[in-house]
């Protein structure tokens, strides 16, 4: 089928108001790797063929049947917050199925049996606001929680800084309704029920959670919910010496604290947070100045539960006596709900805070794509953070680093100008760094997923035989390879994923 014929068929299915071929819709993406490459190379474009906003499951079934019959690529998209190129089109005439416009209803909340049923376009924050009115929450909170949707969270198995305590999205997904590549609709797990436990049959729910839209399109989600913690206190503990900071982290980990979060952040992250505090004050969101001391190493903590006050005193005493007595850290306590909300808002938006303080670039920049969210065994996180900073400096890169220290998840963010020299350095740097991650028994991604940019490293992580099994599963569910093709090493890896194949410059 040509583009005009596909457009007409999509309009017949969804209505003209729900199908777009406008460039403003087709190029919309927040991926800063793609944006940098598009701005530098004339022949690089991540533009979809069509944007469709289905009204319901039936629309999706008909779109999928059309695509499967004519082998047209499909990509389901939710909040568009993914960072690994999951929703970037890499093939001609790709149909982006944006579920956020219409399929955004909370279908059911059962507080007695502690579960809810939602459509995939429900915003994470909206669900939390509704649940909080009855004293409940959905605990799998990612860093993109201010903008993401539940469908994307399930597709990516989203998690965040509190996941060591509360778990990931997979841990709360009880069942799914899914449209397969054939157009058939299935239900997995115990969809729309309050059943807590089952070992009946293959665990298809877990298979689809984290599959990044490569096996089917999720149309309904059943989630486990739970009661909000009764109290919580947040702290920022800032050290002059980074070694003291990491020693303190090990001490805190050995305490019997009811922690919801324990995180290391570097000076640049603090700078971004402080910029965000200023922004919130300027916009009238807060009414007082807030600032975290800019020191070599800082710990962010959140203590929860009925004994939070007593545990706070234990932390304060430990951090100001003994080995810390000569050079005690600065401790800031956030125990008022509004102050805590401001703190974590600044933490989530530290990146934009840093960007606000930088001059506009003279040439395109891009993230180093494959190192944003690696993880190593938790006991090795301090050594890895030090090593990664040293390696970054040897390449002339300035990294922003922070780590969820309880589960070994390290975020290393570096934006580089797109030049021939830098592209070569980026490829070499990330290959060396990833080799070191694997030597420690780590993983290429702990949160952001594989998508387009990280798939070239999966065989090294798992081995050829394991990748071949993943590819067999893909072929079983999607024999015509229409579901988000070119991602997760489930077929041929596009040259662009290796930052290759670009030619004429702008």
Protein backbone atom coordinates (compact mmCIF):
# COMPACT_ATOMS: atom_id res chain seq x y z
CA UNK A 1 0.00 0.00 0.00
CA UNK A 2 1.15 3.53 -0.68
CA UNK A 3 0.96 6.33 1.89
CA UNK A 4 -2.28 7.78 0.56
CA UNK A 5 -4.03 4.39 0.71
CA UNK A 6 -2.82 3.76 4.27
CA UNK A 7 -4.04 7.21 5.33
CA UNK A 8 -7.50 6.56 3.86
CA UNK A 9 -7.78 3.20 5.63
CA UNK A 10 -6.75 4.73 8.97
CA UNK A 11 -9.32 7.51 8.55
CA UNK A 12 -12.00 4.89 7.82
CA UNK A 13 -11.08 3.14 11.08
CA UNK A 14 -10.58 6.06 13.48
CA UNK A 15 -12.11 9.12 11.87
CA UNK A 16 -10.25 11.98 10.20
CA UNK A 17 -9.82 13.90 13.47
CA UNK A 18 -7.77 11.01 14.90
CA UNK A 19 -5.25 10.57 12.05
CA UNK A 20 -2.48 13.06 11.33
CA UNK A 21 0.28 13.36 8.74
CA UNK A 22 1.30 16.82 9.95
CA UNK A 23 5.06 17.15 10.46
CA UNK A 24 4.53 18.72 13.89
CA UNK A 25 2.90 15.46 15.04
CA UNK A 26 5.16 13.07 13.17
CA UNK A 27 8.49 14.41 14.47
CA UNK A 28 7.47 15.02 18.10
CA UNK A 29 9.96 13.24 20.38
CA UNK A 30 12.01 14.14 23.42
CA UNK A 31 14.92 11.84 22.54
CA UNK A 32 18.08 13.98 22.69
CA UNK A 33 20.21 11.39 20.88
CA UNK A 34 17.85 11.50 17.89
CA UNK A 35 17.52 15.28 17.98
CA UNK A 36 21.28 15.76 17.92
CA UNK A 37 21.78 13.39 14.98
CA UNK A 38 18.84 14.86 13.04
CA UNK A 39 20.22 18.36 13.48
CA UNK A 40 23.69 17.38 12.25
CA UNK A 41 23.02 14.93 9.40
CA UNK A 42 20.73 15.66 6.43
CA UNK A 43 19.86 12.01 5.79
CA UNK A 44 18.88 11.18 9.40
CA UNK A 45 15.19 11.47 10.23
CA UNK A 46 13.07 9.80 12.86
CA UNK A 47 9.76 10.88 11.39
CA UNK A 48 6.74 8.60 11.50
CA UNK A 49 4.43 8.13 8.54
CA UNK A 50 1.21 8.57 10.54
CA UNK A 51 0.07 9.53 14.03
CA UNK A 52 -3.14 7.80 15.09
CA UNK A 53 -5.08 8.42 18.30
CA UNK A 54 -7.40 5.41 18.66
CA UNK A 55 -10.63 5.90 20.57
CA UNK A 56 -10.78 2.42 22.07
CA UNK A 57 -9.60 -1.19 21.86
CA UNK A 58 -11.72 -1.87 18.77
CA UNK A 59 -9.91 0.86 16.83
CA UNK A 60 -6.57 -0.69 17.80
CA UNK A 61 -7.72 -4.14 16.68
CA UNK A 62 -8.59 -2.81 13.22
CA UNK A 63 -5.34 -0.80 12.95
CA UNK A 64 -3.31 -3.86 13.86
CA UNK A 65 -5.16 -6.07 11.37
CA UNK A 66 -4.47 -3.53 8.62
CA UNK A 67 -0.80 -3.28 9.58
CA UNK A 68 -0.34 -7.03 9.81
CA UNK A 69 -1.95 -7.67 6.43
CA UNK A 70 0.28 -5.11 4.68
CA UNK A 71 3.36 -5.40 6.94
CA UNK A 72 3.24 -1.79 8.11
CA UNK A 73 5.35 -0.99 11.22
CA UNK A 74 3.48 0.02 14.40
CA UNK A 75 4.75 1.75 17.54
CA UNK A 76 2.47 2.19 20.58
CA UNK A 77 3.26 5.41 22.46
CA UNK A 78 2.12 6.69 25.84
CA UNK A 79 3.69 9.72 27.58
CA UNK A 80 6.72 9.91 25.23
CA UNK A 81 9.14 10.06 28.18
CA UNK A 82 11.33 7.09 27.20
CA UNK A 83 15.07 7.74 26.93
CA UNK A 84 16.37 4.72 24.99
CA UNK A 85 14.70 5.37 21.63
CA UNK A 86 11.74 3.05 22.25
CA UNK A 87 9.27 5.14 20.25
CA UNK A 88 11.59 6.34 17.48
CA UNK A 89 10.44 5.22 14.01
CA UNK A 90 13.25 3.66 11.99
CA UNK A 91 11.23 2.32 9.04
CA UNK A 92 9.15 4.02 6.35
CA UNK A 93 5.41 4.59 6.86
CA UNK A 94 5.54 3.69 10.56
CA UNK A 95 2.22 4.24 12.36
CA UNK A 96 2.56 5.79 15.82
CA UNK A 97 -0.41 4.72 17.95
CA UNK A 98 -0.74 7.42 20.62
CA UNK A 99 -3.02 6.12 23.34
CA UNK A 100 -2.96 9.17 25.63
CA UNK A 101 -5.62 11.29 23.94
CA UNK A 102 -8.63 8.99 24.32
CA UNK A 103 -7.65 5.82 26.17
CA UNK A 104 -7.01 7.51 29.52
CA UNK A 105 -9.79 6.31 31.80
CA UNK A 106 -9.56 4.84 35.29
CA UNK A 107 -12.04 2.03 34.78
CA UNK A 108 -12.31 0.69 38.31
CA UNK A 109 -10.76 1.02 41.78
CA UNK A 110 -11.46 -1.67 44.36
CA UNK A 111 -10.07 -0.41 47.68
CA UNK A 112 -11.33 -3.42 49.62
CA UNK A 113 -9.32 -5.87 47.50
CA UNK A 114 -6.61 -3.28 46.73
CA UNK A 115 -6.47 -3.18 42.95
CA UNK A 116 -7.43 -0.90 40.09
CA UNK A 117 -8.10 -1.28 36.36
CA UNK A 118 -6.90 1.47 34.02
CA UNK A 119 -6.50 2.23 30.36
CA UNK A 120 -2.88 2.67 29.20
CA UNK A 121 -3.14 6.44 28.70
CA UNK A 122 -3.84 7.18 32.37
CA UNK A 123 -1.19 9.54 33.72
CA UNK A 124 0.82 8.25 36.67
CA UNK A 125 0.26 11.45 38.68
CA UNK A 126 -3.49 11.46 37.98
CA UNK A 127 -3.79 7.91 39.30
CA UNK A 128 -1.77 8.82 42.39
CA UNK A 129 -3.96 11.86 43.08
CA UNK A 130 -7.15 9.80 42.85
CA UNK A 131 -5.77 6.98 45.02
CA UNK A 132 -4.36 9.38 47.64
CA UNK A 133 -7.85 10.70 48.42
CA UNK A 134 -8.57 7.30 49.99
CA UNK A 135 -5.07 6.89 51.49
CA UNK A 136 -3.68 4.61 48.78
CA UNK A 137 -0.98 4.74 46.11
CA UNK A 138 0.60 2.83 43.23
CA UNK A 139 4.15 2.35 44.59
CA UNK A 140 6.23 1.84 41.41
CA UNK A 141 7.30 5.47 40.96
CA UNK A 142 9.78 6.26 38.15
CA UNK A 143 11.85 9.41 37.77
CA UNK A 144 9.53 10.44 34.94
CA UNK A 145 6.51 10.15 37.23
CA UNK A 146 5.64 13.81 36.64
CA UNK A 147 4.84 13.10 32.96
CA UNK A 148 4.62 9.37 32.18
CA UNK A 149 1.56 7.16 31.64
CA UNK A 150 0.74 3.73 33.00
CA UNK A 151 0.90 2.02 29.58
CA UNK A 152 4.47 3.20 29.07
CA UNK A 153 5.38 2.16 32.60
CA UNK A 154 4.13 -1.37 31.93
CA UNK A 155 5.80 -1.49 28.51
CA UNK A 156 9.12 -0.48 30.06
CA UNK A 157 8.73 -2.14 33.49
CA UNK A 158 9.32 1.32 34.95
CA UNK A 159 10.99 1.82 38.30
CA UNK A 160 12.91 4.45 40.20
CA UNK A 161 14.78 5.45 43.33
CA UNK A 162 12.29 3.77 45.69
CA UNK A 163 12.15 0.44 43.83
CA UNK A 164 14.48 -1.38 46.23
CA UNK A 165 11.80 -0.81 48.87
CA UNK A 166 8.56 -0.98 46.89
CA UNK A 167 9.45 -2.93 43.74
CA UNK A 168 9.01 -2.26 40.01
CA UNK A 169 5.92 -1.99 37.81
CA UNK A 170 6.07 -5.73 37.12
CA UNK A 171 5.60 -6.43 40.84
CA UNK A 172 2.24 -4.60 40.78
CA UNK A 173 0.88 -5.73 37.41
CA UNK A 174 -1.73 -8.42 38.04
CA UNK A 175 -3.11 -8.77 34.54
CA UNK A 176 -3.32 -7.24 31.07
CA UNK A 177 -5.59 -7.01 28.08
CA UNK A 178 -3.49 -7.10 24.91
CA UNK A 179 -4.05 -6.85 21.17
CA UNK A 180 -1.65 -9.23 19.44
CA UNK A 181 -0.09 -8.70 16.01
CA UNK A 182 -2.80 -10.90 14.46
CA UNK A 183 -5.52 -8.62 15.84
CA UNK A 184 -6.60 -11.19 18.42
CA UNK A 185 -7.28 -9.94 21.94
CA UNK A 186 -6.05 -11.88 24.97
CA UNK A 187 -6.09 -11.42 28.72
CA UNK A 188 -3.13 -12.42 30.87
CA UNK A 189 -2.86 -13.13 34.57
CA UNK A 190 -5.95 -12.27 36.59
CA UNK A 191 -7.13 -9.21 34.71
CA UNK A 192 -9.96 -7.27 36.37
CA UNK A 193 -9.93 -9.43 39.51
CA UNK A 194 -8.53 -9.08 43.01
CA UNK A 195 -6.80 -12.45 43.00
CA UNK A 196 -3.46 -12.23 44.81
CA UNK A 197 -1.74 -15.48 43.94
CA UNK A 198 -1.61 -18.01 41.10
CA UNK A 199 0.83 -20.37 39.38
CA UNK A 200 -1.59 -21.41 36.64
CA UNK A 201 0.00 -21.61 33.19
CA UNK A 202 2.85 -19.60 31.70
CA UNK A 203 3.36 -16.15 33.21
CA UNK A 204 2.46 -14.11 30.13
CA UNK A 205 1.89 -10.98 32.18
CA UNK A 206 5.56 -10.84 33.17
CA UNK A 207 6.57 -11.52 29.56
CA UNK A 208 4.65 -8.51 28.25
CA UNK A 209 5.73 -6.20 31.06
CA UNK A 210 8.98 -4.69 29.81
CA UNK A 211 8.54 -5.87 26.21
CA UNK A 212 8.54 -2.24 24.97
CA UNK A 213 5.70 -2.68 22.50
CA UNK A 214 7.47 -5.43 20.54
CA UNK A 215 4.98 -8.24 21.27
CA UNK A 216 1.56 -6.57 21.35
CA UNK A 217 -0.37 -3.45 22.31
CA UNK A 218 -1.69 -3.15 25.86
CA UNK A 219 -5.25 -1.83 26.12
CA UNK A 220 -6.13 -2.44 29.79
CA UNK A 221 -4.03 -2.92 32.92
CA UNK A 222 -4.90 -4.34 36.34
CA UNK A 223 -2.61 -2.98 39.07
CA UNK A 224 -2.13 -3.83 42.70
CA UNK A 225 -2.34 -0.79 45.01
CA UNK A 226 -1.52 -0.34 48.68
CA UNK A 227 -1.94 2.06 51.59
CA UNK A 228 0.26 5.14 51.81
CA UNK A 229 2.96 5.15 54.52
CA UNK A 230 1.67 6.81 57.68
CA UNK A 231 4.61 9.22 57.96
CA UNK A 232 7.81 10.12 56.16
CA UNK A 233 10.83 12.37 56.66
CA UNK A 234 13.38 13.34 54.01
CA UNK A 235 17.01 14.34 54.54
CA UNK A 236 19.90 15.78 52.56
CA UNK A 237 23.31 14.99 54.09
CA UNK A 238 26.24 16.78 52.42
CA UNK A 239 29.92 15.81 52.84
CA UNK A 240 33.11 17.73 52.03
CA UNK A 241 34.89 14.49 51.12
CA UNK A 242 33.42 11.96 48.69
CA UNK A 243 35.02 9.01 50.51
CA UNK A 244 33.30 10.10 53.73
CA UNK A 245 30.05 10.19 51.78
CA UNK A 246 30.40 6.62 50.55
CA UNK A 247 31.47 5.38 54.00
CA UNK A 248 28.35 6.99 55.44
CA UNK A 249 26.22 5.27 52.79
CA UNK A 250 27.52 1.88 53.94
CA UNK A 251 26.83 2.81 57.57
CA UNK A 252 23.26 3.85 56.75
CA UNK A 253 22.67 0.66 54.74
CA UNK A 254 23.66 -1.38 57.81
CA UNK A 255 21.21 0.44 60.10
CA UNK A 256 17.80 -1.09 60.62
CA UNK A 257 15.93 1.82 59.07
CA UNK A 258 12.62 1.76 57.26
CA UNK A 259 13.99 3.45 54.14
CA UNK A 260 12.00 4.35 51.06
CA UNK A 261 14.93 5.99 49.30
CA UNK A 262 18.72 6.25 49.62
CA UNK A 263 20.55 8.07 46.87
CA UNK A 264 23.96 9.57 46.13
CA UNK A 265 24.06 12.78 44.06
CA UNK A 266 27.04 14.76 42.78
CA UNK A 267 27.73 18.49 42.69
CA UNK A 268 26.20 19.04 39.26
CA UNK A 269 22.97 17.35 40.32
CA UNK A 270 22.87 19.60 43.39
CA UNK A 271 23.41 22.61 41.15
CA UNK A 272 20.45 21.52 39.02
CA UNK A 273 18.27 21.05 42.10
CA UNK A 274 19.19 24.47 43.46
CA UNK A 275 18.35 26.04 40.09
CA UNK A 276 14.97 24.33 40.32
CA UNK A 277 14.40 25.69 43.84
CA UNK A 278 15.03 29.19 42.46
CA UNK A 279 12.63 28.54 39.60
CA UNK A 280 9.89 27.33 41.96
CA UNK A 281 10.38 30.42 44.16
CA UNK A 282 10.28 32.77 41.16
CA UNK A 283 7.09 31.15 39.85
CA UNK A 284 5.40 31.39 43.25
CA UNK A 285 5.20 27.61 43.65
CA UNK A 286 7.04 27.91 46.99
CA UNK A 287 7.26 30.91 49.30
CA UNK A 288 10.70 30.49 50.89
CA UNK A 289 14.29 29.97 49.77
CA UNK A 290 15.64 26.41 49.74
CA UNK A 291 19.19 25.34 48.98
CA UNK A 292 21.30 22.20 49.35
CA UNK A 293 25.01 22.80 50.11
CA UNK A 294 27.15 22.16 47.03
CA UNK A 295 29.68 19.66 48.34
CA UNK A 296 31.68 16.72 46.99
CA UNK A 297 29.10 14.09 47.86
CA UNK A 298 25.51 14.28 49.08
CA UNK A 299 23.07 11.64 50.30
CA UNK A 300 19.32 12.01 49.83
CA UNK A 301 17.17 9.86 52.11
CA UNK A 302 13.54 9.20 52.85
CA UNK A 303 12.57 7.42 56.08
CA UNK A 304 9.01 6.14 56.39
CA UNK A 305 6.79 4.40 58.92
CA UNK A 306 5.63 4.94 62.51
CA UNK A 307 9.19 5.15 63.89
CA UNK A 308 10.52 7.69 61.39
CA UNK A 309 11.26 10.30 64.07
CA UNK A 310 13.27 7.90 66.23
CA UNK A 311 15.18 6.63 63.21
CA UNK A 312 15.96 10.22 62.16
CA UNK A 313 17.66 10.80 65.53
CA UNK A 314 19.75 7.64 65.06
CA UNK A 315 20.95 8.91 61.66
CA UNK A 316 21.75 12.38 63.00
CA UNK A 317 23.71 10.95 65.93
CA UNK A 318 25.71 8.56 63.74
CA UNK A 319 26.57 11.27 61.20
CA UNK A 320 27.86 13.72 63.84
CA UNK A 321 29.85 11.43 66.17
CA UNK A 322 32.64 8.88 65.93
CA UNK A 323 34.57 9.03 62.66
CA UNK A 324 32.40 11.94 61.47
CA UNK A 325 32.96 14.11 64.57
CA UNK A 326 35.94 16.08 63.18
CA UNK A 327 34.26 16.97 59.90
CA UNK A 328 30.54 16.40 60.28
CA UNK A 329 28.30 16.73 57.26
CA UNK A 330 25.62 19.36 56.87
CA UNK A 331 22.21 17.81 57.49
CA UNK A 332 19.00 19.33 56.13
CA UNK A 333 15.70 17.87 57.35
CA UNK A 334 12.49 18.09 55.33
CA UNK A 335 9.60 16.96 57.52
CA UNK A 336 6.80 19.26 56.33
CA UNK A 337 4.86 17.65 53.42
CA UNK A 338 5.16 20.75 51.20
CA UNK A 339 8.93 20.95 51.77
CA UNK A 340 9.31 17.27 50.90
CA UNK A 341 7.26 17.72 47.76
CA UNK A 342 9.48 20.66 46.79
CA UNK A 343 12.65 18.65 47.44
CA UNK A 344 11.62 15.70 45.29
CA UNK A 345 10.23 17.96 42.58
CA UNK A 346 13.67 19.59 42.40
CA UNK A 347 15.37 16.19 42.34
CA UNK A 348 13.18 14.91 39.48
CA UNK A 349 13.78 18.14 37.56
CA UNK A 350 17.50 18.53 38.26
CA UNK A 351 18.28 17.96 34.56
CA UNK A 352 16.15 20.85 33.30
CA UNK A 353 17.60 22.93 36.14
CA UNK A 354 21.10 22.36 34.82
CA UNK A 355 20.05 23.10 31.25
CA UNK A 356 18.56 26.43 32.35
CA UNK A 357 21.97 27.49 33.63
CA UNK A 358 23.86 26.63 30.43
CA UNK A 359 24.30 28.94 27.44
CA UNK A 360 22.50 27.95 24.25
CA UNK A 361 24.69 25.52 22.28
CA UNK A 362 26.33 26.71 19.08
CA UNK A 363 25.99 23.23 17.58
CA UNK A 364 23.71 20.20 18.22
CA UNK A 365 24.25 18.09 21.33
CA UNK A 366 23.21 14.55 22.15
CA UNK A 367 23.31 12.25 25.16
CA UNK A 368 25.80 9.41 25.19
CA UNK A 369 23.03 6.90 24.57
CA UNK A 370 24.00 3.60 26.19
CA UNK A 371 25.21 4.60 29.66
CA UNK A 372 22.30 6.51 31.14
CA UNK A 373 21.12 3.91 33.67
CA UNK A 374 23.52 1.04 34.15
CA UNK A 375 23.53 -1.04 37.35
CA UNK A 376 26.26 -2.91 39.20
CA UNK A 377 26.17 -5.02 42.38
CA UNK A 378 25.34 -2.53 45.17
CA UNK A 379 28.63 -3.11 47.02
CA UNK A 380 30.52 -1.98 43.90
CA UNK A 381 28.59 1.23 43.27
CA UNK A 382 31.07 3.55 45.00
CA UNK A 383 34.04 2.14 43.07
CA UNK A 384 32.11 2.34 39.81
CA UNK A 385 31.09 5.96 40.36
CA UNK A 386 34.70 6.98 41.02
CA UNK A 387 35.98 5.03 38.01
CA UNK A 388 33.31 6.39 35.67
CA UNK A 389 34.12 9.98 36.61
CA UNK A 390 37.83 9.37 36.00
CA UNK A 391 37.16 7.74 32.63
CA UNK A 392 34.81 10.56 31.66
CA UNK A 393 37.47 13.16 32.41
CA UNK A 394 40.03 11.24 30.34
CA UNK A 395 37.74 11.70 27.32
CA UNK A 396 37.05 15.33 28.12
CA UNK A 397 33.43 14.58 29.04
CA UNK A 398 31.70 16.26 31.98
CA UNK A 399 29.28 13.73 33.50
CA UNK A 400 26.38 14.18 35.88
CA UNK A 401 26.26 11.16 38.19
CA UNK A 402 23.80 9.96 40.77
CA UNK A 403 22.99 6.52 42.06
CA UNK A 404 20.20 4.58 43.74
CA UNK A 405 22.70 2.97 46.07
CA UNK A 406 20.46 0.28 47.59
CA UNK A 407 20.09 -1.52 44.25
CA UNK A 408 23.29 -0.44 42.49
CA UNK A 409 21.55 1.61 39.83
CA UNK A 410 23.86 4.39 38.54
CA UNK A 411 22.78 7.23 36.26
CA UNK A 412 25.63 8.75 34.28
CA UNK A 413 24.46 11.58 32.04
CA UNK A 414 26.69 13.40 29.59
CA UNK A 415 25.56 15.56 26.66
CA UNK A 416 28.13 16.00 23.86
CA UNK A 417 28.37 18.15 20.77
CA UNK A 418 27.71 16.16 17.61
CA UNK A 419 31.00 16.21 15.69
CA UNK A 420 32.93 13.50 13.86
CA UNK A 421 35.53 13.52 16.62
CA UNK A 422 32.98 13.34 19.41
CA UNK A 423 30.95 10.57 17.77
CA UNK A 424 34.06 8.40 17.61
CA UNK A 425 34.89 9.23 21.24
CA UNK A 426 31.31 8.54 22.36
CA UNK A 427 31.35 5.06 20.79
CA UNK A 428 34.72 4.18 22.28
CA UNK A 429 33.87 5.60 25.70
CA UNK A 430 30.57 3.81 26.08
CA UNK A 431 32.06 0.50 24.86
CA UNK A 432 34.84 0.71 27.45
CA UNK A 433 32.50 1.73 30.23
CA UNK A 434 30.03 -1.04 29.42
CA UNK A 435 32.82 -3.62 29.38
CA UNK A 436 33.65 -2.49 32.91
CA UNK A 437 29.97 -2.75 33.93
CA UNK A 438 29.83 -6.31 32.63
CA UNK A 439 33.11 -7.20 34.35
CA UNK A 440 31.40 -6.32 37.63
CA UNK A 441 28.38 -8.49 36.83
CA UNK A 442 26.24 -5.48 35.96
CA UNK A 443 23.63 -4.62 33.34
CA UNK A 444 23.28 -2.12 30.52
CA UNK A 445 19.93 -0.86 31.78
CA UNK A 446 18.20 -0.92 35.16
CA UNK A 447 15.38 1.54 34.43
CA UNK A 448 15.25 3.17 31.02
CA UNK A 449 15.00 0.01 28.90
CA UNK A 450 16.76 -1.17 25.75
CA UNK A 451 14.84 0.45 22.91
CA UNK A 452 16.92 1.45 19.88
CA UNK A 453 20.16 2.69 21.42
CA UNK A 454 21.24 -0.15 23.73
CA UNK A 455 20.37 -3.29 21.78
CA UNK A 456 23.82 -3.73 20.26
CA UNK A 457 25.17 -4.63 23.72
CA UNK A 458 22.58 -7.25 24.70
CA UNK A 459 24.40 -10.23 23.19
CA UNK A 460 27.45 -9.40 25.27
CA UNK A 461 25.27 -9.28 28.39
CA UNK A 462 23.27 -12.46 27.83
CA UNK A 463 25.04 -14.51 25.17
CA UNK A 464 24.00 -15.43 21.64
CA UNK A 465 21.86 -18.41 22.62
CA UNK A 466 19.72 -16.35 25.01
CA UNK A 467 19.18 -13.64 22.41
CA UNK A 468 18.10 -16.30 19.91
CA UNK A 469 15.43 -17.49 22.37
CA UNK A 470 14.17 -13.91 22.71
CA UNK A 471 14.02 -13.67 18.92
CA UNK A 472 12.04 -16.93 18.75
CA UNK A 473 9.48 -15.50 21.16
CA UNK A 474 9.22 -12.36 19.02
CA UNK A 475 8.63 -14.42 15.86
CA UNK A 476 5.94 -16.46 17.61
CA UNK A 477 3.94 -13.41 18.67
CA UNK A 478 4.76 -11.19 15.69
CA UNK A 479 5.75 -13.23 12.61
CA UNK A 480 5.48 -10.24 10.25
CA UNK A 481 7.64 -8.05 12.52
CA UNK A 482 5.21 -5.13 12.66
CA UNK A 483 5.35 -4.45 16.42
CA UNK A 484 7.99 -1.78 17.10
CA UNK A 485 10.53 -3.34 14.72
CA UNK A 486 14.24 -2.57 14.98
CA UNK A 487 14.27 -2.55 18.79
CA UNK A 488 15.60 -4.74 21.61
CA UNK A 489 17.82 -6.90 19.33
CA UNK A 490 14.76 -8.97 18.38
CA UNK A 491 15.64 -8.76 14.69
CA UNK A 492 18.17 -6.97 12.53
CA UNK A 493 19.77 -4.08 14.39
CA UNK A 494 19.54 -0.85 12.34
CA UNK A 495 22.86 0.84 11.56
CA UNK A 496 21.68 4.02 13.26
CA UNK A 497 21.55 2.14 16.59
CA UNK A 498 25.35 1.82 16.36
CA UNK A 499 25.59 5.49 15.34
CA UNK A 500 26.57 4.38 11.84
CA UNK A 501 25.29 5.01 8.32
CA UNK A 502 25.07 8.78 8.54
CA UNK A 503 26.44 10.63 5.52
CA UNK A 504 25.83 14.20 4.39
CA UNK A 505 26.08 16.89 7.05
CA UNK A 506 23.89 19.94 7.27
